[in-house]
Amino acid sequence: MTTTKKYALITGGTMGIGFELAKLFAKDGYNLIIVARDQRELEGSSSELKNEYGIEVITIAKDLFIVDNAFGVYNEIKRQGIEVEVLVNNAGHGHYGEFVDTDLQMELSIIQLNISSLVVLTKLFLQDMVAKGEGKILNLSSIASKTPGPWQSVYHGTKAFVQSFTEAIREEVKDKGVTITALLPGATDTDFFRKAHMESSKVVQEGELADPADVAKDGYDALMSGKDMIVSGLKNKAQVLMNAVTPDSKAAHKMAKQQEPVEHK
C-alpha cells in the first residue's frame, strides 16, 4: 500500500466508531491525527494503526468537553504545518436518566462537547477547506437527531442540532468543493452506554446493537461518494422514516418505552 500526505483528523479516534473509521482511512493510505482525552489510549491505538497500515499517526491529547481545547487542537495542527483533508467529528457523550434528576453540570459539558467543540472544529477547518477548494467533513449525528429522547433528552437535543447544522452548512458550501456528510447510527456496540451509565436501559438490555465496523463503513462510503447523510442499518432507516410521519408526542412516548430502565414501572 502506498501512503499519501493526506491527513484525516478524527476526534474520539481511539475506540468504537471513531477507531473503525481510522482503520478505513488508514487502509486507503491516509495519515491520521487522532484526538482523545486519554494519552495511554491514544498511544495504544496509534501503535496498532501504525503497525497494521504503515501510516503516520499523530496523537493529540485534548479534552473536548472544554471548548478552548478545540481551538487548541486546530492551533497545534497549524503549528505543525499540517493541512487536514478530512475532518471527522466523532467525539460525543450521553447522560442517562430523567432530566429532573440528572446532573446539570454533566449535561452542560455534553453540550460543550457534542455541539460547541464540533462547531469550533468545523468552522476552522471548513474555512481552510473552502480556501483550498476541497475537503471533506463527516459529522457523527444519530437517529436520535430525528426524535425526542426521554431518558436522554439532552443527548437527543444535541444530535438534533448536529443534524440541522450539518445539512445547513452543506447547502452553503455545496459549490465550493467541500463535501459535508452526516452519519446517523442507531444503538451501536461501543463504550457509549457504559460512559452514559445507560446499561440498564431496554435498548441495551433487550435491543440488538450494531457492529461499529459496519457503521463506520456506511459513513466512510457515504462521505467518499459525496452523500449528504446516511442512516446506518435497515432497521434504523425504517425507524427514521416512521418518525418522519409520527407526531412528536407519540414518537417521544415510544422512545421513552425503548430507553427506560428494564425495571421501570
C-alpha atoms as a PDB file:
ATOM      1  CA  MET A   1       0.000   0.000   0.000  1.00  0.00           C
ATOM      2  CA  THR A   2       1.243   3.464  -0.887  1.00  0.00           C
ATOM      3  CA  THR A   3       0.581   6.175   1.664  1.00  0.00           C
ATOM      4  CA  THR A   4      -0.128   9.751   0.721  1.00  0.00           C
ATOM      5  CA  LYS A   5       0.499  13.017   2.511  1.00  0.00           C
ATOM      6  CA  LYS A   6      -3.219  13.383   3.052  1.00  0.00           C
ATOM      7  CA  TYR A   7      -4.323  13.697   6.667  1.00  0.00           C
ATOM      8  CA  ALA A   8      -7.622  12.751   8.260  1.00  0.00           C
ATOM      9  CA  LEU A   9      -8.400  14.163  11.703  1.00  0.00           C
ATOM     10  CA  ILE A  10     -10.693  12.053  13.875  1.00  0.00           C
ATOM     11  CA  THR A  11     -11.957  13.123  17.285  1.00  0.00           C
ATOM     12  CA  GLY A  12     -12.719  10.270  19.656  1.00  0.00           C
ATOM     13  CA  GLY A  13     -10.499   8.168  17.416  1.00  0.00           C
ATOM     14  CA  THR A  14      -9.253   5.580  19.915  1.00  0.00           C
ATOM     15  CA  MET A  15     -12.292   3.294  20.145  1.00  0.00           C
ATOM     16  CA  GLY A  16     -15.714   2.466  18.777  1.00  0.00           C
ATOM     17  CA  ILE A  17     -16.908   4.026  15.536  1.00  0.00           C
ATOM     18  CA  GLY A  18     -14.044   6.543  15.547  1.00  0.00           C
ATOM     19  CA  PHE A  19     -11.374   3.845  15.675  1.00  0.00           C
ATOM     20  CA  GLU A  20     -13.123   1.823  12.959  1.00  0.00           C
ATOM     21  CA  LEU A  21     -13.190   4.942  10.784  1.00  0.00           C
ATOM     22  CA  ALA A  22      -9.492   5.468  11.498  1.00  0.00           C
ATOM     23  CA  LYS A  23      -8.779   1.976  10.171  1.00  0.00           C
ATOM     24  CA  LEU A  24     -10.713   2.670   6.978  1.00  0.00           C
ATOM     25  CA  PHE A  25      -8.827   5.896   6.307  1.00  0.00           C
ATOM     26  CA  ALA A  26      -5.518   4.203   7.100  1.00  0.00           C
ATOM     27  CA  LYS A  27      -6.339   1.336   4.748  1.00  0.00           C
ATOM     28  CA  ASP A  28      -6.776   3.901   1.971  1.00  0.00           C
ATOM     29  CA  GLY A  29      -3.387   5.446   2.738  1.00  0.00           C
ATOM     30  CA  TYR A  30      -4.414   8.464   4.777  1.00  0.00           C
ATOM     31  CA  ASN A  31      -2.142   9.587   7.561  1.00  0.00           C
ATOM     32  CA  LEU A  32      -4.085  10.164  10.757  1.00  0.00           C
ATOM     33  CA  ILE A  33      -4.475  12.698  13.515  1.00  0.00           C
ATOM     34  CA  ILE A  34      -6.447  11.157  16.372  1.00  0.00           C
ATOM     35  CA  VAL A  35      -7.752  13.203  19.273  1.00  0.00           C
ATOM     36  CA  ALA A  36      -8.900  11.861  22.629  1.00  0.00           C
ATOM     37  CA  ARG A  37      -8.585  12.636  26.329  1.00  0.00           C
ATOM     38  CA  ASP A  38      -6.535   9.623  27.402  1.00  0.00           C
ATOM     39  CA  GLN A  39      -2.874   9.627  26.347  1.00  0.00           C
ATOM     40  CA  ARG A  40      -2.482   5.921  27.080  1.00  0.00           C
ATOM     41  CA  GLU A  41      -5.436   5.021  24.850  1.00  0.00           C
ATOM     42  CA  LEU A  42      -4.037   7.283  22.139  1.00  0.00           C
ATOM     43  CA  GLU A  43      -0.672   5.528  22.281  1.00  0.00           C
ATOM     44  CA  GLY A  44      -2.251   2.079  22.092  1.00  0.00           C
ATOM     45  CA  SER A  45      -4.473   2.947  19.145  1.00  0.00           C
ATOM     46  CA  SER A  46      -1.636   4.783  17.398  1.00  0.00           C
ATOM     47  CA  SER A  47       0.698   1.777  17.672  1.00  0.00           C
ATOM     48  CA  GLU A  48      -1.960  -0.572  16.308  1.00  0.00           C
ATOM     49  CA  LEU A  49      -2.685   1.670  13.329  1.00  0.00           C
ATOM     50  CA  LYS A  50       0.973   2.251  12.521  1.00  0.00           C
ATOM     51  CA  ASN A  51       1.855  -1.428  12.732  1.00  0.00           C
ATOM     52  CA  GLU A  52      -1.124  -2.592  10.702  1.00  0.00           C
ATOM     53  CA  TYR A  53      -1.161   0.037   7.951  1.00  0.00           C
ATOM     54  CA  GLY A  54       2.275   1.663   7.903  1.00  0.00           C
ATOM     55  CA  ILE A  55       0.913   5.186   8.033  1.00  0.00           C
ATOM     56  CA  GLU A  56       1.850   8.194  10.134  1.00  0.00           C
ATOM     57  CA  VAL A  57      -0.301   8.749  13.217  1.00  0.00           C
ATOM     58  CA  ILE A  58      -0.211  11.987  15.183  1.00  0.00           C
ATOM     59  CA  THR A  59      -1.871  11.927  18.599  1.00  0.00           C
ATOM     60  CA  ILE A  60      -3.327  14.939  20.381  1.00  0.00           C
ATOM     61  CA  ALA A  61      -4.491  14.524  23.970  1.00  0.00           C
ATOM     62  CA  LYS A  62      -7.215  17.126  24.478  1.00  0.00           C
ATOM     63  CA  ASP A  63     -10.425  17.101  26.471  1.00  0.00           C
ATOM     64  CA  LEU A  64     -13.064  18.446  24.090  1.00  0.00           C
ATOM     65  CA  PHE A  65     -15.563  18.831  26.900  1.00  0.00           C
ATOM     66  CA  ILE A  66     -13.620  22.106  27.264  1.00  0.00           C
ATOM     67  CA  VAL A  67     -14.278  24.285  24.215  1.00  0.00           C
ATOM     68  CA  ASP A  68     -10.937  26.094  24.378  1.00  0.00           C
ATOM     69  CA  ASN A  69      -9.289  22.742  23.696  1.00  0.00           C
ATOM     70  CA  ALA A  70     -10.996  22.577  20.296  1.00  0.00           C
ATOM     71  CA  PHE A  71      -9.156  25.765  19.387  1.00  0.00           C
ATOM     72  CA  GLY A  72      -6.043  24.133  20.832  1.00  0.00           C
ATOM     73  CA  VAL A  73      -6.382  21.143  18.507  1.00  0.00           C
ATOM     74  CA  TYR A  74      -6.603  23.397  15.474  1.00  0.00           C
ATOM     75  CA  ASN A  75      -3.701  25.574  16.599  1.00  0.00           C
ATOM     76  CA  GLU A  76      -1.492  22.529  17.254  1.00  0.00           C
ATOM     77  CA  ILE A  77      -2.130  21.178  13.769  1.00  0.00           C
ATOM     78  CA  LYS A  78      -1.422  24.541  12.179  1.00  0.00           C
ATOM     79  CA  ARG A  79       1.749  24.843  14.282  1.00  0.00           C
ATOM     80  CA  GLN A  80       2.952  21.573  12.781  1.00  0.00           C
ATOM     81  CA  GLY A  81       2.228  22.860   9.279  1.00  0.00           C
ATOM     82  CA  ILE A  82      -0.286  20.097   8.510  1.00  0.00           C
ATOM     83  CA  GLU A  83      -3.210  20.510   6.139  1.00  0.00           C
ATOM     84  CA  VAL A  84      -6.247  18.420   7.023  1.00  0.00           C
ATOM     85  CA  GLU A  85      -8.095  16.952   4.052  1.00  0.00           C
ATOM     86  CA  VAL A  86     -10.774  15.190   6.095  1.00  0.00           C
ATOM     87  CA  LEU A  87     -12.306  16.159   9.441  1.00  0.00           C
ATOM     88  CA  VAL A  88     -14.339  13.568  11.346  1.00  0.00           C
ATOM     89  CA  ASN A  89     -16.261  14.993  14.300  1.00  0.00           C
ATOM     90  CA  ASN A  90     -16.870  11.709  16.068  1.00  0.00           C
ATOM     91  CA  ALA A  91     -16.407  12.530  19.763  1.00  0.00           C
ATOM     92  CA  GLY A  92     -19.668  12.540  21.672  1.00  0.00           C
ATOM     93  CA  HIS A  93     -21.152  11.660  25.039  1.00  0.00           C
ATOM     94  CA  GLY A  94     -24.532  10.885  26.571  1.00  0.00           C
ATOM     95  CA  HIS A  95     -26.011  11.076  30.071  1.00  0.00           C
ATOM     96  CA  TYR A  96     -28.831   8.784  31.142  1.00  0.00           C
ATOM     97  CA  GLY A  97     -31.813   9.496  33.353  1.00  0.00           C
ATOM     98  CA  GLU A  98     -34.907  11.635  33.663  1.00  0.00           C
ATOM     99  CA  PHE A  99     -33.975  15.283  33.202  1.00  0.00           C
ATOM    100  CA  VAL A 100     -35.390  16.416  36.556  1.00  0.00           C
ATOM    101  CA  ASP A 101     -32.903  14.106  38.312  1.00  0.00           C
ATOM    102  CA  THR A 102     -29.783  14.214  36.132  1.00  0.00           C
ATOM    103  CA  ASP A 103     -26.573  16.131  36.737  1.00  0.00           C
ATOM    104  CA  LEU A 104     -26.769  19.611  35.208  1.00  0.00           C
ATOM    105  CA  GLN A 105     -23.019  20.199  35.039  1.00  0.00           C
ATOM    106  CA  MET A 106     -22.547  16.944  33.132  1.00  0.00           C
ATOM    107  CA  GLU A 107     -25.293  17.947  30.711  1.00  0.00           C
ATOM    108  CA  LEU A 108     -23.721  21.355  30.145  1.00  0.00           C
ATOM    109  CA  SER A 109     -20.399  19.619  29.479  1.00  0.00           C
ATOM    110  CA  ILE A 110     -22.093  17.316  26.966  1.00  0.00           C
ATOM    111  CA  ILE A 111     -23.490  20.353  25.156  1.00  0.00           C
ATOM    112  CA  GLN A 112     -19.963  21.767  25.010  1.00  0.00           C
ATOM    113  CA  LEU A 113     -18.575  18.510  23.583  1.00  0.00           C
ATOM    114  CA  ASN A 114     -21.373  17.453  21.254  1.00  0.00           C
ATOM    115  CA  ILE A 115     -22.144  20.937  19.943  1.00  0.00           C
ATOM    116  CA  SER A 116     -19.652  23.676  20.805  1.00  0.00           C
ATOM    117  CA  SER A 117     -16.393  21.838  20.144  1.00  0.00           C
ATOM    118  CA  LEU A 118     -17.871  20.345  16.972  1.00  0.00           C
ATOM    119  CA  VAL A 119     -18.847  23.822  15.770  1.00  0.00           C
ATOM    120  CA  VAL A 120     -15.374  25.223  16.521  1.00  0.00           C
ATOM    121  CA  LEU A 121     -13.537  22.462  14.654  1.00  0.00           C
ATOM    122  CA  THR A 122     -15.976  22.565  11.758  1.00  0.00           C
ATOM    123  CA  LYS A 123     -15.700  26.343  11.409  1.00  0.00           C
ATOM    124  CA  LEU A 124     -11.901  26.492  11.490  1.00  0.00           C
ATOM    125  CA  PHE A 125     -11.202  23.552   9.197  1.00  0.00           C
ATOM    126  CA  LEU A 126     -14.068  24.408   6.848  1.00  0.00           C
ATOM    127  CA  GLN A 127     -12.597  27.869   6.310  1.00  0.00           C
ATOM    128  CA  ASP A 128      -9.295  26.252   5.296  1.00  0.00           C
ATOM    129  CA  MET A 129     -11.047  23.760   3.025  1.00  0.00           C
ATOM    130  CA  VAL A 130     -13.112  26.409   1.256  1.00  0.00           C
ATOM    131  CA  ALA A 131      -9.963  28.473   0.734  1.00  0.00           C
ATOM    132  CA  LYS A 132      -8.328  25.431  -0.922  1.00  0.00           C
ATOM    133  CA  GLY A 133     -11.455  24.483  -2.836  1.00  0.00           C
ATOM    134  CA  GLU A 134     -11.501  20.917  -1.492  1.00  0.00           C
ATOM    135  CA  GLY A 135     -12.054  18.881   1.635  1.00  0.00           C
ATOM    136  CA  LYS A 136     -14.429  16.542   3.424  1.00  0.00           C
ATOM    137  CA  ILE A 137     -16.197  16.664   6.790  1.00  0.00           C
ATOM    138  CA  LEU A 138     -18.048  13.778   8.435  1.00  0.00           C
ATOM    139  CA  ASN A 139     -20.208  14.688  11.424  1.00  0.00           C
ATOM    140  CA  LEU A 140     -21.480  11.941  13.715  1.00  0.00           C
ATOM    141  CA  SER A 141     -25.160  12.603  14.050  1.00  0.00           C
ATOM    142  CA  SER A 142     -27.541   9.844  15.187  1.00  0.00           C
ATOM    143  CA  ILE A 143     -31.017   8.534  14.587  1.00  0.00           C
ATOM    144  CA  ALA A 144     -31.512  10.269  17.953  1.00  0.00           C
ATOM    145  CA  SER A 145     -31.457  13.512  15.945  1.00  0.00           C
ATOM    146  CA  LYS A 146     -34.780  12.563  14.386  1.00  0.00           C
ATOM    147  CA  THR A 147     -36.896  12.068  17.515  1.00  0.00           C
ATOM    148  CA  PRO A 148     -37.288  13.452  21.052  1.00  0.00           C
ATOM    149  CA  GLY A 149     -35.441  11.261  23.539  1.00  0.00           C
ATOM    150  CA  PRO A 150     -36.844  10.805  27.050  1.00  0.00           C
ATOM    151  CA  TRP A 151     -34.170   9.392  29.389  1.00  0.00           C
ATOM    152  CA  GLN A 152     -31.561  11.051  27.140  1.00  0.00           C
ATOM    153  CA  SER A 153     -33.191  14.412  26.473  1.00  0.00           C
ATOM    154  CA  VAL A 154     -30.015  16.488  26.261  1.00  0.00           C
ATOM    155  CA  TYR A 155     -28.165  13.973  24.087  1.00  0.00           C
ATOM    156  CA  HIS A 156     -31.031  13.770  21.605  1.00  0.00           C
ATOM    157  CA  GLY A 157     -31.223  17.568  21.582  1.00  0.00           C
ATOM    158  CA  THR A 158     -27.520  17.900  20.799  1.00  0.00           C
ATOM    159  CA  LYS A 159     -27.787  15.436  17.934  1.00  0.00           C
ATOM    160  CA  ALA A 160     -30.789  17.312  16.516  1.00  0.00           C
ATOM    161  CA  PHE A 161     -28.521  20.363  16.452  1.00  0.00           C
ATOM    162  CA  VAL A 162     -25.708  18.437  14.745  1.00  0.00           C
ATOM    163  CA  GLN A 163     -28.059  17.142  12.054  1.00  0.00           C
ATOM    164  CA  SER A 164     -29.637  20.516  11.289  1.00  0.00           C
ATOM    165  CA  PHE A 165     -26.284  22.298  11.409  1.00  0.00           C
ATOM    166  CA  THR A 166     -24.654  19.773   9.069  1.00  0.00           C
ATOM    167  CA  GLU A 167     -27.435  19.983   6.499  1.00  0.00           C
ATOM    168  CA  ALA A 168     -27.359  23.806   6.590  1.00  0.00           C
ATOM    169  CA  ILE A 169     -23.639  24.262   6.069  1.00  0.00           C
ATOM    170  CA  ARG A 170     -23.585  21.567   3.409  1.00  0.00           C
ATOM    171  CA  GLU A 171     -26.007  23.678   1.393  1.00  0.00           C
ATOM    172  CA  GLU A 172     -23.850  26.759   1.916  1.00  0.00           C
ATOM    173  CA  VAL A 173     -20.668  25.171   0.553  1.00  0.00           C
ATOM    174  CA  LYS A 174     -22.070  22.722  -1.988  1.00  0.00           C
ATOM    175  CA  ASP A 175     -20.469  24.618  -4.890  1.00  0.00           C
ATOM    176  CA  LYS A 176     -17.126  25.204  -3.141  1.00  0.00           C
ATOM    177  CA  GLY A 177     -15.516  21.791  -3.493  1.00  0.00           C
ATOM    178  CA  VAL A 178     -16.228  20.629   0.068  1.00  0.00           C
ATOM    179  CA  THR A 179     -18.304  17.569   0.968  1.00  0.00           C
ATOM    180  CA  ILE A 180     -20.141  17.546   4.303  1.00  0.00           C
ATOM    181  CA  THR A 181     -21.857  14.329   5.374  1.00  0.00           C
ATOM    182  CA  ALA A 182     -23.883  13.308   8.424  1.00  0.00           C
ATOM    183  CA  LEU A 183     -23.672   9.732   9.706  1.00  0.00           C
ATOM    184  CA  LEU A 184     -26.743   8.572  11.643  1.00  0.00           C
ATOM    185  CA  PRO A 185     -26.131   5.344  13.575  1.00  0.00           C
ATOM    186  CA  GLY A 186     -28.599   3.698  15.878  1.00  0.00           C
ATOM    187  CA  ALA A 187     -27.657   1.861  19.063  1.00  0.00           C
ATOM    188  CA  THR A 188     -24.147   0.536  18.465  1.00  0.00           C
ATOM    189  CA  ASP A 189     -21.929  -1.845  20.414  1.00  0.00           C
ATOM    190  CA  THR A 190     -19.443   0.713  21.749  1.00  0.00           C
ATOM    191  CA  ASP A 191     -18.418   2.106  25.143  1.00  0.00           C
ATOM    192  CA  PHE A 192     -21.081   4.836  24.793  1.00  0.00           C
ATOM    193  CA  PHE A 193     -23.664   3.164  27.010  1.00  0.00           C
ATOM    194  CA  ARG A 194     -21.238   2.459  29.846  1.00  0.00           C
ATOM    195  CA  LYS A 195     -19.987   6.042  29.838  1.00  0.00           C
ATOM    196  CA  ALA A 196     -23.567   7.328  29.793  1.00  0.00           C
ATOM    197  CA  HIS A 197     -24.486   4.957  32.691  1.00  0.00           C
ATOM    198  CA  MET A 198     -27.144   3.529  30.418  1.00  0.00           C
ATOM    199  CA  GLU A 199     -26.527  -0.223  30.754  1.00  0.00           C
ATOM    200  CA  SER A 200     -29.897  -0.760  32.473  1.00  0.00           C
ATOM    201  CA  SER A 201     -31.953   0.664  29.601  1.00  0.00           C
ATOM    202  CA  LYS A 202     -34.160  -1.571  27.485  1.00  0.00           C
ATOM    203  CA  VAL A 203     -32.351  -0.535  24.294  1.00  0.00           C
ATOM    204  CA  VAL A 204     -29.161  -2.089  25.711  1.00  0.00           C
ATOM    205  CA  GLN A 205     -30.649  -4.999  27.641  1.00  0.00           C
ATOM    206  CA  GLU A 206     -33.185  -6.085  25.030  1.00  0.00           C
ATOM    207  CA  GLY A 207     -32.099  -4.466  21.768  1.00  0.00           C
ATOM    208  CA  GLU A 208     -29.713  -5.604  19.050  1.00  0.00           C
ATOM    209  CA  LEU A 209     -26.623  -3.408  18.947  1.00  0.00           C
ATOM    210  CA  ALA A 210     -24.932  -2.670  15.627  1.00  0.00           C
ATOM    211  CA  ASP A 211     -21.306  -3.543  14.884  1.00  0.00           C
ATOM    212  CA  PRO A 212     -19.255  -0.306  14.947  1.00  0.00           C
ATOM    213  CA  ALA A 213     -17.229  -1.558  11.962  1.00  0.00           C
ATOM    214  CA  ASP A 214     -20.417  -1.760   9.879  1.00  0.00           C
ATOM    215  CA  VAL A 215     -21.489   1.716  10.979  1.00  0.00           C
ATOM    216  CA  ALA A 216     -18.059   3.151  10.152  1.00  0.00           C
ATOM    217  CA  LYS A 217     -18.100   1.540   6.691  1.00  0.00           C
ATOM    218  CA  ASP A 218     -21.502   3.069   5.942  1.00  0.00           C
ATOM    219  CA  GLY A 219     -20.248   6.503   6.988  1.00  0.00           C
ATOM    220  CA  TYR A 220     -16.959   6.202   5.138  1.00  0.00           C
ATOM    221  CA  ASP A 221     -18.605   5.122   1.890  1.00  0.00           C
ATOM    222  CA  ALA A 222     -21.194   7.910   2.140  1.00  0.00           C
ATOM    223  CA  LEU A 223     -18.507  10.526   2.748  1.00  0.00           C
ATOM    224  CA  MET A 224     -16.349   9.351  -0.115  1.00  0.00           C
ATOM    225  CA  SER A 225     -19.291   9.265  -2.517  1.00  0.00           C
ATOM    226  CA  GLY A 226     -20.375  12.782  -1.543  1.00  0.00           C
ATOM    227  CA  LYS A 227     -23.710  11.921   0.085  1.00  0.00           C
ATOM    228  CA  ASP A 228     -25.388  14.407   2.392  1.00  0.00           C
ATOM    229  CA  MET A 229     -26.345  11.815   5.010  1.00  0.00           C
ATOM    230  CA  ILE A 230     -26.519   8.111   5.684  1.00  0.00           C
ATOM    231  CA  VAL A 231     -28.687   6.241   8.168  1.00  0.00           C
ATOM    232  CA  SER A 232     -26.768   3.096   9.108  1.00  0.00           C
ATOM    233  CA  GLY A 233     -28.800  -0.113   9.228  1.00  0.00           C
ATOM    234  CA  LEU A 234     -32.086  -1.171   7.651  1.00  0.00           C
ATOM    235  CA  LYS A 235     -33.979  -1.163  10.956  1.00  0.00           C
ATOM    236  CA  ASN A 236     -32.760   2.343  11.688  1.00  0.00           C
ATOM    237  CA  LYS A 237     -33.752   3.528   8.214  1.00  0.00           C
ATOM    238  CA  ALA A 238     -37.260   2.217   8.836  1.00  0.00           C
ATOM    239  CA  GLN A 239     -37.391   3.913  12.243  1.00  0.00           C
ATOM    240  CA  VAL A 240     -36.338   7.266  10.802  1.00  0.00           C
ATOM    241  CA  LEU A 241     -38.973   7.001   8.083  1.00  0.00           C
ATOM    242  CA  MET A 242     -41.629   6.143  10.666  1.00  0.00           C
ATOM    243  CA  ASN A 243     -40.617   9.031  12.915  1.00  0.00           C
ATOM    244  CA  ALA A 244     -40.941  11.429   9.981  1.00  0.00           C
ATOM    245  CA  VAL A 245     -44.699  10.788   9.833  1.00  0.00           C
ATOM    246  CA  THR A 246     -45.313  10.329  13.576  1.00  0.00           C
ATOM    247  CA  PRO A 247     -46.323  13.263  15.813  1.00  0.00           C
ATOM    248  CA  ASP A 248     -43.508  14.243  18.162  1.00  0.00           C
ATOM    249  CA  SER A 249     -45.596  13.450  21.233  1.00  0.00           C
ATOM    250  CA  LYS A 250     -46.160   9.875  20.080  1.00  0.00           C
ATOM    251  CA  ALA A 251     -42.550   9.479  18.975  1.00  0.00           C
ATOM    252  CA  ALA A 252     -41.382  10.693  22.390  1.00  0.00           C
ATOM    253  CA  HIS A 253     -43.678   8.215  24.155  1.00  0.00           C
ATOM    254  CA  LYS A 254     -42.394   5.346  22.024  1.00  0.00           C
ATOM    255  CA  MET A 255     -38.770   6.366  22.627  1.00  0.00           C
ATOM    256  CA  ALA A 256     -39.397   6.580  26.379  1.00  0.00           C
ATOM    257  CA  LYS A 257     -40.529   2.951  26.344  1.00  0.00           C
ATOM    258  CA  GLN A 258     -37.431   1.914  24.391  1.00  0.00           C
ATOM    259  CA  GLN A 259     -34.968   3.761  26.601  1.00  0.00           C
ATOM    260  CA  GLU A 260     -36.464   3.359  30.087  1.00  0.00           C
ATOM    261  CA  PRO A 261     -34.727   1.026  32.545  1.00  0.00           C
ATOM    262  CA  VAL A 262     -35.803  -2.589  32.272  1.00  0.00           C
ATOM    263  CA  GLU A 263     -37.239  -2.499  35.819  1.00  0.00           C
ATOM    264  CA  HIS A 264     -39.093   0.801  35.318  1.00  0.00           C
ATOM    265  CA  LYS A 265     -42.799   0.756  36.151  1.00  0.00           C
END
